C-alpha atoms as a PDB file:
ATOM      1  CA  MET A   1     117.394  95.797  87.161  1.00  0.00           C
ATOM      2  CA  THR A   2     117.113  92.329  88.663  1.00  0.00           C
ATOM      3  CA  ARG A   3     117.916  89.722  86.040  1.00  0.00           C
ATOM      4  CA  ALA A   4     117.686  85.967  86.504  1.00  0.00           C
ATOM      5  CA  ALA A   5     118.909  83.381  84.043  1.00  0.00           C
ATOM      6  CA  SER A   6     116.002  81.443  82.572  1.00  0.00           C
ATOM      7  CA  ALA A   7     117.057  77.825  82.217  1.00  0.00           C
ATOM      8  CA  ALA A   8     113.956  76.305  80.686  1.00  0.00           C
ATOM      9  CA  PRO A   9     113.390  72.534  80.906  1.00  0.00           C
ATOM     10  CA  GLU A  10     113.631  70.487  77.697  1.00  0.00           C
ATOM     11  CA  LYS A  11     109.860  70.150  77.341  1.00  0.00           C
ATOM     12  CA  LEU A  12     107.015  72.369  78.535  1.00  0.00           C
ATOM     13  CA  ARG A  13     103.279  71.928  78.294  1.00  0.00           C
ATOM     14  CA  LEU A  14     102.153  74.386  75.605  1.00  0.00           C
ATOM     15  CA  GLN A  15      99.700  76.201  77.902  1.00  0.00           C
ATOM     16  CA  ARG A  16     102.448  76.792  80.444  1.00  0.00           C
ATOM     17  CA  TYR A  17     104.843  77.930  77.716  1.00  0.00           C
ATOM     18  CA  LEU A  18     102.376  80.604  76.585  1.00  0.00           C
ATOM     19  CA  ALA A  19     101.790  81.702  80.183  1.00  0.00           C
ATOM     20  CA  MET A  20     105.529  81.957  80.861  1.00  0.00           C
ATOM     21  CA  ALA A  21     105.901  84.096  77.743  1.00  0.00           C
ATOM     22  CA  GLY A  22     103.246  86.470  79.083  1.00  0.00           C
ATOM     23  CA  ILE A  23     100.828  85.820  76.223  1.00  0.00           C
ATOM     24  CA  ALA A  24      97.892  84.608  78.299  1.00  0.00           C
ATOM     25  CA  SER A  25      96.889  82.703  81.416  1.00  0.00           C
ATOM     26  CA  ARG A  26      96.785  78.928  81.056  1.00  0.00           C
ATOM     27  CA  ARG A  27      93.010  78.983  80.708  1.00  0.00           C
ATOM     28  CA  GLN A  28      93.191  81.708  78.070  1.00  0.00           C
ATOM     29  CA  ALA A  29      95.946  79.757  76.323  1.00  0.00           C
ATOM     30  CA  GLU A  30      93.603  76.777  76.032  1.00  0.00           C
ATOM     31  CA  GLU A  31      91.057  78.989  74.270  1.00  0.00           C
ATOM     32  CA  LEU A  32      93.710  80.266  71.863  1.00  0.00           C
ATOM     33  CA  ILE A  33      94.695  76.683  71.060  1.00  0.00           C
ATOM     34  CA  ARG A  34      91.082  75.602  70.544  1.00  0.00           C
ATOM     35  CA  ASP A  35      90.304  78.424  68.123  1.00  0.00           C
ATOM     36  CA  GLY A  36      93.382  77.661  66.019  1.00  0.00           C
ATOM     37  CA  SER A  37      95.368  80.793  66.881  1.00  0.00           C
ATOM     38  CA  VAL A  38      98.405  78.792  68.038  1.00  0.00           C
ATOM     39  CA  LYS A  39     100.741  76.884  65.748  1.00  0.00           C
ATOM     40  CA  VAL A  40     103.817  74.803  66.512  1.00  0.00           C
ATOM     41  CA  ASN A  41     106.326  74.465  63.684  1.00  0.00           C
ATOM     42  CA  GLY A  42     103.701  75.703  61.250  1.00  0.00           C
ATOM     43  CA  LYS A  43     101.021  73.206  62.254  1.00  0.00           C
ATOM     44  CA  PRO A  44      97.891  73.846  64.353  1.00  0.00           C
ATOM     45  CA  ALA A  45      98.587  73.160  68.022  1.00  0.00           C
ATOM     46  CA  GLU A  46      96.641  70.637  70.069  1.00  0.00           C
ATOM     47  CA  LEU A  47      95.624  70.729  73.716  1.00  0.00           C
ATOM     48  CA  GLY A  48      97.983  68.763  75.926  1.00  0.00           C
ATOM     49  CA  MET A  49     100.979  68.869  73.608  1.00  0.00           C
ATOM     50  CA  SER A  50     104.435  69.821  74.847  1.00  0.00           C
ATOM     51  CA  VAL A  51     107.070  71.950  73.159  1.00  0.00           C
ATOM     52  CA  ASP A  52     110.834  72.292  73.314  1.00  0.00           C
ATOM     53  CA  PRO A  53     111.559  75.998  73.943  1.00  0.00           C
ATOM     54  CA  GLN A  54     114.914  75.718  72.189  1.00  0.00           C
ATOM     55  CA  ALA A  55     113.866  73.657  69.165  1.00  0.00           C
ATOM     56  CA  ASP A  56     110.176  74.319  68.431  1.00  0.00           C
ATOM     57  CA  ARG A  57     108.768  77.417  66.733  1.00  0.00           C
ATOM     58  CA  VAL A  58     105.570  78.613  68.446  1.00  0.00           C
ATOM     59  CA  THR A  59     103.379  81.329  66.924  1.00  0.00           C
ATOM     60  CA  VAL A  60     100.164  83.017  68.067  1.00  0.00           C
ATOM     61  CA  GLU A  61      98.135  84.627  65.289  1.00  0.00           C
ATOM     62  CA  GLY A  62     101.224  84.495  63.094  1.00  0.00           C
ATOM     63  CA  ARG A  63     103.581  86.170  65.574  1.00  0.00           C
ATOM     64  CA  ARG A  64     106.435  84.157  67.047  1.00  0.00           C
ATOM     65  CA  VAL A  65     106.445  83.582  70.800  1.00  0.00           C
ATOM     66  CA  GLU A  66     109.751  83.026  72.585  1.00  0.00           C
ATOM     67  CA  LEU A  67     110.765  82.801  76.220  1.00  0.00           C
ATOM     68  CA  ALA A  68     113.109  85.470  77.501  1.00  0.00           C
ATOM     69  CA  ARG A  69     116.590  84.164  78.265  1.00  0.00           C
ATOM     70  CA  GLU A  70     116.833  86.390  81.332  1.00  0.00           C
ATOM     71  CA  ARG A  71     114.062  87.280  83.754  1.00  0.00           C
ATOM     72  CA  ILE A  72     113.730  90.928  84.701  1.00  0.00           C
ATOM     73  CA  TYR A  73     111.828  92.226  87.741  1.00  0.00           C
ATOM     74  CA  LEU A  74     111.349  95.954  88.327  1.00  0.00           C
ATOM     75  CA  ALA A  75     109.451  98.242  90.681  1.00  0.00           C
ATOM     76  CA  LEU A  76     108.246 101.483  89.075  1.00  0.00           C
ATOM     77  CA  HIS A  77     106.712 104.618  90.579  1.00  0.00           C
ATOM     78  CA  LYS A  78     103.925 105.272  88.073  1.00  0.00           C
ATOM     79  CA  PRO A  79     103.118 108.975  87.798  1.00  0.00           C
ATOM     80  CA  ARG A  80      99.550 110.215  87.416  1.00  0.00           C
ATOM     81  CA  GLU A  81      98.191 110.410  83.867  1.00  0.00           C
ATOM     82  CA  PHE A  82     100.185 107.437  82.581  1.00  0.00           C
ATOM     83  CA  LEU A  83      98.542 104.274  81.242  1.00  0.00           C
ATOM     84  CA  CYS A  84      99.599 100.728  82.151  1.00  0.00           C
ATOM     85  CA  THR A  85      99.533  99.614  78.498  1.00  0.00           C
ATOM     86  CA  ARG A  86     102.101  99.290  75.734  1.00  0.00           C
ATOM     87  CA  GLU A  87     100.534 101.992  73.568  1.00  0.00           C
ATOM     88  CA  ASP A  88      97.466 104.195  73.409  1.00  0.00           C
ATOM     89  CA  PRO A  89      95.496 105.086  70.257  1.00  0.00           C
ATOM     90  CA  LYS A  90      94.762 108.512  71.786  1.00  0.00           C
ATOM     91  CA  GLY A  91      98.461 109.248  72.168  1.00  0.00           C
ATOM     92  CA  ARG A  92      98.488 109.333  75.965  1.00  0.00           C
ATOM     93  CA  ARG A  93     101.730 108.438  77.729  1.00  0.00           C
ATOM     94  CA  THR A  94     102.289 104.888  78.983  1.00  0.00           C
ATOM     95  CA  VAL A  95     104.535 103.350  81.637  1.00  0.00           C
ATOM     96  CA  MET A  96     106.521 101.615  78.889  1.00  0.00           C
ATOM     97  CA  GLU A  97     108.125 104.991  78.153  1.00  0.00           C
ATOM     98  CA  LEU A  98     109.679 104.808  81.636  1.00  0.00           C
ATOM     99  CA  VAL A  99     111.256 101.349  81.267  1.00  0.00           C
ATOM    100  CA  PRO A 100     115.092 101.520  81.303  1.00  0.00           C
ATOM    101  CA  LYS A 101     116.852 100.951  78.005  1.00  0.00           C
ATOM    102  CA  GLY A 102     117.973  97.370  77.507  1.00  0.00           C
ATOM    103  CA  ALA A 103     115.175  95.897  79.613  1.00  0.00           C
ATOM    104  CA  GLY A 104     113.409  94.474  76.571  1.00  0.00           C
ATOM    105  CA  LEU A 105     109.701  93.726  76.367  1.00  0.00           C
ATOM    106  CA  LEU A 106     108.109  93.873  79.832  1.00  0.00           C
ATOM    107  CA  SER A 107     104.541  93.551  81.086  1.00  0.00           C
ATOM    108  CA  THR A 108     102.874  95.128  84.102  1.00  0.00           C
ATOM    109  CA  VAL A 109     101.701  92.949  86.986  1.00  0.00           C
ATOM    110  CA  GLY A 110      98.139  94.197  87.183  1.00  0.00           C
ATOM    111  CA  ARG A 111      97.317  97.835  86.495  1.00  0.00           C
ATOM    112  CA  LEU A 112      96.750 101.225  88.057  1.00  0.00           C
ATOM    113  CA  ASP A 113      94.190 103.534  86.493  1.00  0.00           C
ATOM    114  CA  TYR A 114      95.147 106.680  84.586  1.00  0.00           C
ATOM    115  CA  HIS A 115      94.735 109.072  87.532  1.00  0.00           C
ATOM    116  CA  THR A 116      96.347 106.799  90.172  1.00  0.00           C
ATOM    117  CA  SER A 117     100.044 106.985  91.017  1.00  0.00           C
ATOM    118  CA  GLY A 118     102.335 104.638  92.883  1.00  0.00           C
ATOM    119  CA  LEU A 119     103.924 101.221  92.773  1.00  0.00           C
ATOM    120  CA  ILE A 120     103.596  98.999  89.726  1.00  0.00           C
ATOM    121  CA  LEU A 121     105.665  95.859  89.077  1.00  0.00           C
ATOM    122  CA  LEU A 122     107.138  95.119  85.645  1.00  0.00           C
ATOM    123  CA  THR A 123     108.543  91.805  84.425  1.00  0.00           C
ATOM    124  CA  ASN A 124     109.018  89.509  81.454  1.00  0.00           C
ATOM    125  CA  ASP A 125     108.165  86.525  83.675  1.00  0.00           C
ATOM    126  CA  GLY A 126     104.687  85.943  82.292  1.00  0.00           C
ATOM    127  CA  GLU A 127     103.804  83.042  84.562  1.00  0.00           C
ATOM    128  CA  LEU A 128     104.647  84.985  87.728  1.00  0.00           C
ATOM    129  CA  ALA A 129     102.691  88.000  86.484  1.00  0.00           C
ATOM    130  CA  GLN A 130      99.626  85.885  85.692  1.00  0.00           C
ATOM    131  CA  ARG A 131      99.660  84.159  89.074  1.00  0.00           C
ATOM    132  CA  LEU A 132     100.157  87.319  91.110  1.00  0.00           C
ATOM    133  CA  THR A 133      97.068  88.897  89.563  1.00  0.00           C
ATOM    134  CA  ARG A 134      94.860  86.084  90.876  1.00  0.00           C
ATOM    135  CA  PRO A 135      93.010  86.919  94.121  1.00  0.00           C
ATOM    136  CA  SER A 136      93.957  83.426  95.350  1.00  0.00           C
ATOM    137  CA  SER A 137      97.593  84.558  95.624  1.00  0.00           C
ATOM    138  CA  GLY A 138      96.561  86.609  98.670  1.00  0.00           C
ATOM    139  CA  VAL A 139      99.170  89.295  97.964  1.00  0.00           C
ATOM    140  CA  PRO A 140      98.120  92.488  99.814  1.00  0.00           C
ATOM    141  CA  LYS A 141      98.147  95.788  97.946  1.00  0.00           C
ATOM    142  CA  VAL A 142      98.388  98.901 100.116  1.00  0.00           C
ATOM    143  CA  TYR A 143      97.025 102.304  99.094  1.00  0.00           C
ATOM    144  CA  ARG A 144      97.186 105.815 100.555  1.00  0.00           C
ATOM    145  CA  VAL A 145      93.913 107.627  99.884  1.00  0.00           C
ATOM    146  CA  LYS A 146      92.963 111.270 100.330  1.00  0.00           C
ATOM    147  CA  ALA A 147      89.182 111.441 100.758  1.00  0.00           C
ATOM    148  CA  ALA A 148      86.706 114.263 100.260  1.00  0.00           C
ATOM    149  CA  ARG A 149      85.252 113.787 103.748  1.00  0.00           C
ATOM    150  CA  PRO A 150      85.597 111.536 106.815  1.00  0.00           C
ATOM    151  CA  PHE A 151      83.873 108.147 106.849  1.00  0.00           C
ATOM    152  CA  GLU A 152      81.368 107.118 109.473  1.00  0.00           C
ATOM    153  CA  PRO A 153      82.840 104.685 112.073  1.00  0.00           C
ATOM    154  CA  GLU A 154      81.094 101.671 110.509  1.00  0.00           C
ATOM    155  CA  ALA A 155      82.933 102.124 107.182  1.00  0.00           C
ATOM    156  CA  ALA A 156      85.841  99.931 108.313  1.00  0.00           C
ATOM    157  CA  GLU A 157      83.404  97.079 108.996  1.00  0.00           C
ATOM    158  CA  ARG A 158      81.849  97.551 105.549  1.00  0.00           C
ATOM    159  CA  PHE A 159      85.293  97.187 103.988  1.00  0.00           C
ATOM    160  CA  ARG A 160      85.966  94.083 106.099  1.00  0.00           C
ATOM    161  CA  THR A 161      82.730  92.314 105.150  1.00  0.00           C
ATOM    162  CA  GLY A 162      82.873  93.381 101.504  1.00  0.00           C
ATOM    163  CA  ILE A 163      81.037  95.885  99.315  1.00  0.00           C
ATOM    164  CA  VAL A 164      78.928  94.811  96.350  1.00  0.00           C
ATOM    165  CA  LEU A 165      80.293  96.123  93.038  1.00  0.00           C
ATOM    166  CA  ASP A 166      78.647  95.067  89.770  1.00  0.00           C
ATOM    167  CA  GLY A 167      76.626  92.436  91.618  1.00  0.00           C
ATOM    168  CA  ARG A 168      79.660  90.788  93.213  1.00  0.00           C
ATOM    169  CA  ARG A 169      80.944  91.309  96.759  1.00  0.00           C
ATOM    170  CA  THR A 170      84.537  92.387  97.196  1.00  0.00           C
ATOM    171  CA  LEU A 171      86.955  90.275  99.201  1.00  0.00           C
ATOM    172  CA  PRO A 172      87.629  91.410 102.792  1.00  0.00           C
ATOM    173  CA  ALA A 173      89.625  94.653 102.820  1.00  0.00           C
ATOM    174  CA  LYS A 174      91.084  96.912 105.499  1.00  0.00           C
ATOM    175  CA  LEU A 175      90.426 100.608 106.049  1.00  0.00           C
ATOM    176  CA  ARG A 176      92.049 102.771 108.697  1.00  0.00           C
ATOM    177  CA  VAL A 177      92.592 106.460 109.330  1.00  0.00           C
ATOM    178  CA  LEU A 178      96.093 107.839 108.779  1.00  0.00           C
ATOM    179  CA  PRO A 179      96.969 110.439 111.441  1.00  0.00           C
ATOM    180  CA  ASP A 180      99.453 113.302 111.230  1.00  0.00           C
ATOM    181  CA  ARG A 181      98.664 114.196 107.612  1.00  0.00           C
ATOM    182  CA  SER A 182      97.109 117.273 106.047  1.00  0.00           C
ATOM    183  CA  GLY A 183      93.590 116.597 104.857  1.00  0.00           C
ATOM    184  CA  ILE A 184      91.594 113.396 105.341  1.00  0.00           C
ATOM    185  CA  TRP A 185      93.775 110.371 104.618  1.00  0.00           C
ATOM    186  CA  TYR A 186      93.137 106.627 104.815  1.00  0.00           C
ATOM    187  CA  GLU A 187      95.112 103.454 104.290  1.00  0.00           C
ATOM    188  CA  VAL A 188      93.344 100.727 102.297  1.00  0.00           C
ATOM    189  CA  VAL A 189      94.598  97.140 101.962  1.00  0.00           C
ATOM    190  CA  LEU A 190      93.166  94.898  99.221  1.00  0.00           C
ATOM    191  CA  THR A 191      93.961  91.362  98.081  1.00  0.00           C
ATOM    192  CA  GLU A 192      92.254  91.687  94.700  1.00  0.00           C
ATOM    193  CA  GLY A 193      92.451  94.214  91.904  1.00  0.00           C
ATOM    194  CA  ARG A 194      89.184  95.028  90.181  1.00  0.00           C
ATOM    195  CA  ASN A 195      88.897  97.989  87.845  1.00  0.00           C
ATOM    196  CA  ARG A 196      89.050 101.264  89.847  1.00  0.00           C
ATOM    197  CA  GLN A 197      88.217  99.241  92.955  1.00  0.00           C
ATOM    198  CA  VAL A 198      89.315 101.677  95.674  1.00  0.00           C
ATOM    199  CA  ARG A 199      87.548 104.607  94.028  1.00  0.00           C
ATOM    200  CA  ARG A 200      84.356 102.616  93.531  1.00  0.00           C
ATOM    201  CA  MET A 201      84.343 101.315  97.124  1.00  0.00           C
ATOM    202  CA  PHE A 202      84.606 104.888  98.395  1.00  0.00           C
ATOM    203  CA  GLU A 203      81.809 105.982  96.060  1.00  0.00           C
ATOM    204  CA  ALA A 204      79.607 103.098  97.230  1.00  0.00           C
ATOM    205  CA  LEU A 205      79.841 104.518 100.767  1.00  0.00           C
ATOM    206  CA  GLY A 206      79.081 108.070  99.658  1.00  0.00           C
ATOM    207  CA  ASN A 207      82.649 109.338  99.643  1.00  0.00           C
ATOM    208  CA  ARG A 208      85.027 110.438  96.900  1.00  0.00           C
ATOM    209  CA  VAL A 209      88.741 109.826  96.306  1.00  0.00           C
ATOM    210  CA  GLN A 210      90.724 113.023  95.755  1.00  0.00           C
ATOM    211  CA  LYS A 211      94.162 111.431  95.536  1.00  0.00           C
ATOM    212  CA  LEU A 212      95.212 107.774  95.321  1.00  0.00           C
ATOM    213  CA  THR A 213      98.703 106.261  95.565  1.00  0.00           C
ATOM    214  CA  ARG A 214      99.678 102.603  95.859  1.00  0.00           C
ATOM    215  CA  VAL A 215     102.565 102.267  98.300  1.00  0.00           C
ATOM    216  CA  ALA A 216     103.108  98.490  98.502  1.00  0.00           C
ATOM    217  CA  VAL A 217     102.502  95.206  96.699  1.00  0.00           C
ATOM    218  CA  GLY A 218     103.180  92.336  99.086  1.00  0.00           C
ATOM    219  CA  PRO A 219     106.778  92.680 100.302  1.00  0.00           C
ATOM    220  CA  VAL A 220     107.638  95.370  97.739  1.00  0.00           C
ATOM    221  CA  GLU A 221     107.338  98.960  98.991  1.00  0.00           C
ATOM    222  CA  LEU A 222     107.331 102.169  96.988  1.00  0.00           C
ATOM    223  CA  GLY A 223     109.852 103.659  99.382  1.00  0.00           C
ATOM    224  CA  ARG A 224     111.474 106.864  98.176  1.00  0.00           C
ATOM    225  CA  LEU A 225     111.172 106.188  94.463  1.00  0.00           C
ATOM    226  CA  GLU A 226     110.320 109.418  92.678  1.00  0.00           C
ATOM    227  CA  PRO A 227     107.584 109.418  90.005  1.00  0.00           C
ATOM    228  CA  GLY A 228     108.989 107.835  86.841  1.00  0.00           C
ATOM    229  CA  GLU A 229     111.888 106.090  88.584  1.00  0.00           C
ATOM    230  CA  THR A 230     112.508 102.334  88.722  1.00  0.00           C
ATOM    231  CA  ARG A 231     114.508  99.972  90.887  1.00  0.00           C
ATOM    232  CA  PRO A 232     115.192  96.219  90.775  1.00  0.00           C
ATOM    233  CA  LEU A 233     113.406  93.898  93.154  1.00  0.00           C
ATOM    234  CA  THR A 234     115.607  92.472  95.876  1.00  0.00           C
ATOM    235  CA  GLU A 235     116.192  88.744  96.121  1.00  0.00           C
ATOM    236  CA  ALA A 236     114.080  88.637  99.301  1.00  0.00           C
ATOM    237  CA  GLU A 237     111.180  90.460  97.627  1.00  0.00           C
ATOM    238  CA  LEU A 238     111.297  88.163  94.613  1.00  0.00           C
ATOM    239  CA  ARG A 239     111.462  85.043  96.778  1.00  0.00           C
ATOM    240  CA  LYS A 240     108.357  86.080  98.724  1.00  0.00           C
ATOM    241  CA  LEU A 241     106.421  86.999  95.584  1.00  0.00           C
ATOM    242  CA  LYS A 242     107.244  83.655  93.987  1.00  0.00           C
ATOM    243  CA  GLY A 243     106.234  81.882  97.180  1.00  0.00           C
ATOM    244  CA  ALA A 244     102.841  83.584  97.116  1.00  0.00           C
ATOM    245  CA  ALA A 245     102.444  82.628  93.457  1.00  0.00           C
ATOM    246  CA  GLY A 246     103.245  78.970  94.144  1.00  0.00           C
ATOM    247  CA  LEU A 247     106.488  79.160  92.168  1.00  0.00           C
ATOM    248  CA  GLY A 248     108.906  78.904  95.045  1.00  0.00           C
ATOM    249  CA  GLU A 249     109.137  78.446  98.797  1.00  0.00           C
ATOM    250  CA  PRO A 250     105.594  78.649 100.268  1.00  0.00           C
ATOM    251  CA  VAL A 251     104.685  81.675 102.363  1.00  0.00           C
ATOM    252  CA  ALA A 252     102.332  81.337 105.324  1.00  0.00           C
ATOM    253  CA  ARG A 253      98.793  82.533 104.612  1.00  0.00           C
ATOM    254  CA  GLY A 254      97.148  85.338 106.536  1.00  0.00           C
ATOM    255  CA  ARG A 255      99.186  88.327 107.663  1.00  0.00           C
ATOM    256  CA  LYS A 256     102.508  87.380 106.144  1.00  0.00           C
ATOM    257  CA  LYS A 257     105.707  87.977 108.048  1.00  0.00           C
ATOM    258  CA  GLY A 258     107.748  90.670 106.389  1.00  0.00           C
ATOM    259  CA  TRP A 259     104.756  91.932 104.408  1.00  0.00           C
ATOM    260  CA  ALA A 260     102.899  93.757 107.154  1.00  0.00           C
ATOM    261  CA  LEU A 261     103.665  97.443 107.307  1.00  0.00           C
ATOM    262  CA  PRO A 262     105.524  98.472 110.487  1.00  0.00           C
ATOM    263  CA  LYS A 263     103.433  99.823 113.338  1.00  0.00           C
ATOM    264  CA  PRO A 264     103.493 103.593 113.876  1.00  0.00           C
ATOM    265  CA  ARG A 265     105.916 104.917 116.440  1.00  0.00           C
ATOM    266  CA  ARG A 266     104.769 107.442 119.002  1.00  0.00           C
ATOM    267  CA  THR A 267     105.890 110.957 118.151  1.00  0.00           C
ATOM    268  CA  ALA A 268     105.775 114.132 120.175  1.00  0.00           C
ATOM    269  CA  PRO A 269     102.978 116.571 119.293  1.00  0.00           C
ATOM    270  CA  GLY A 270     103.871 118.790 116.360  1.00  0.00           C
ATOM    271  CA  ARG A 271     106.530 116.472 114.999  1.00  0.00           C
ATOM    272  CA  GLY A 272     104.486 115.943 111.786  1.00  0.00           C
ATOM    273  CA  THR A 273     104.510 112.712 109.781  1.00  0.00           C
ATOM    274  CA  SER A 274     105.005 109.569 111.834  1.00  0.00           C
ATOM    275  CA  ALA A 275     108.067 107.354 111.469  1.00  0.00           C
ATOM    276  CA  ARG A 276     105.818 104.662 110.062  1.00  0.00           C
ATOM    277  CA  SER A 277     104.607 106.919 107.255  1.00  0.00           C
ATOM    278  CA  ARG A 278     108.169 107.885 106.353  1.00  0.00           C
ATOM    279  CA  ARG A 279     109.300 104.259 106.333  1.00  0.00           C
ATOM    280  CA  VAL A 280     106.413 102.963 104.240  1.00  0.00           C
ATOM    281  CA  GLY A 281     107.259 105.418 101.471  1.00  0.00           C
ATOM    282  CA  ASP A 282     105.253 108.597 101.181  1.00  0.00           C
ATOM    283  CA  PRO A 283     105.392 109.680  97.535  1.00  0.00           C
ATOM    284  CA  MET A 284     105.523 113.284  98.733  1.00  0.00           C
ATOM    285  CA  THR A 285     108.807 112.827 100.619  1.00  0.00           C
ATOM    286  CA  PRO A 286     111.495 115.272  99.400  1.00  0.00           C
ATOM    287  CA  ARG A 287     114.356 112.806  99.531  1.00  0.00           C
ATOM    288  CA  ARG A 288     115.354 111.314  96.196  1.00  0.00           C
ATOM    289  CA  GLN A 289     116.508 107.838  95.359  1.00  0.00           C
ATOM    290  CA  ARG A 290     119.040 107.399  92.607  1.00  0.00           C
ATOM    291  CA  ARG A 291     118.271 105.062  89.753  1.00  0.00           C
ATOM    292  CA  THR A 292     119.778 101.673  90.513  1.00  0.00           C
ATOM    293  CA  ARG A 293     122.258 100.220  88.092  1.00  0.00           C
ATOM    294  CA  VAL A 294     121.736  96.899  86.356  1.00  0.00           C
ATOM    295  CA  ARG A 295     122.867  93.880  88.310  1.00  0.00           C
ATOM    296  CA  LYS A 296     122.481  90.173  87.812  1.00  0.00           C
ATOM    297  CA  GLU A 297     120.729  87.826  90.204  1.00  0.00           C
ATOM    298  CA  ARG A 298     122.932  84.939  91.162  1.00  0.00           C
END
């Protein structure tokens, strides 16, 4: 798994400290401080105060909060019927059961619903996780969708202009037909992540999702990861994600270089799945990828 040494500065604003620890966003951290849930060295915290990560003792509702000494960044192929939570009162399985031993306490970057499979990112870098879940990050999320029936031609325009869900219009999204596949398949690209968004957008247009797999998050592709397997993020993937989150080198807005999926190559009739589909990472591909060993990021 990708590990990066976490050399924290001497002093950090308390809100940022809580965000980096994955406790809450900065705005949520302010609310926790206001309602008295946060204490520093046993005393109620105040808005605007700074803390020394190495010397001060920070607690939230009585539980100590510490920054991880090493940052871990993983890509996981979430199987269907797994939850993106730490535990479930109903006893259903969660993605935390799939985290490699020794990885410590990780959080998911966003979520996939119980019946959706595909790429989910895991990290103990709370600030990066919080920022990547904001629509303002502009990180595209790519899905492969098997639909119950074909859409009318104007459906792509409806996705582009936005569909009203719960009284609020979705951000511009992309919809296109995927050729050379059994059944009726579409590719959907979103830059936000509302609850069951893809399924609800299909339902709003009178269609129904039969199978849903996320195949990419920004520069990170599912590739040939089998369900339940993990791999570390590459240095290039991590650099681009941090750039989008405003934590590193900026990445140009719009259709980001290196993030766009490769264009389909022309194939002779009867050849089956296109080269593009194989490269993007069809979860149904028979080839297996071995679990990657732990390595440290220099």
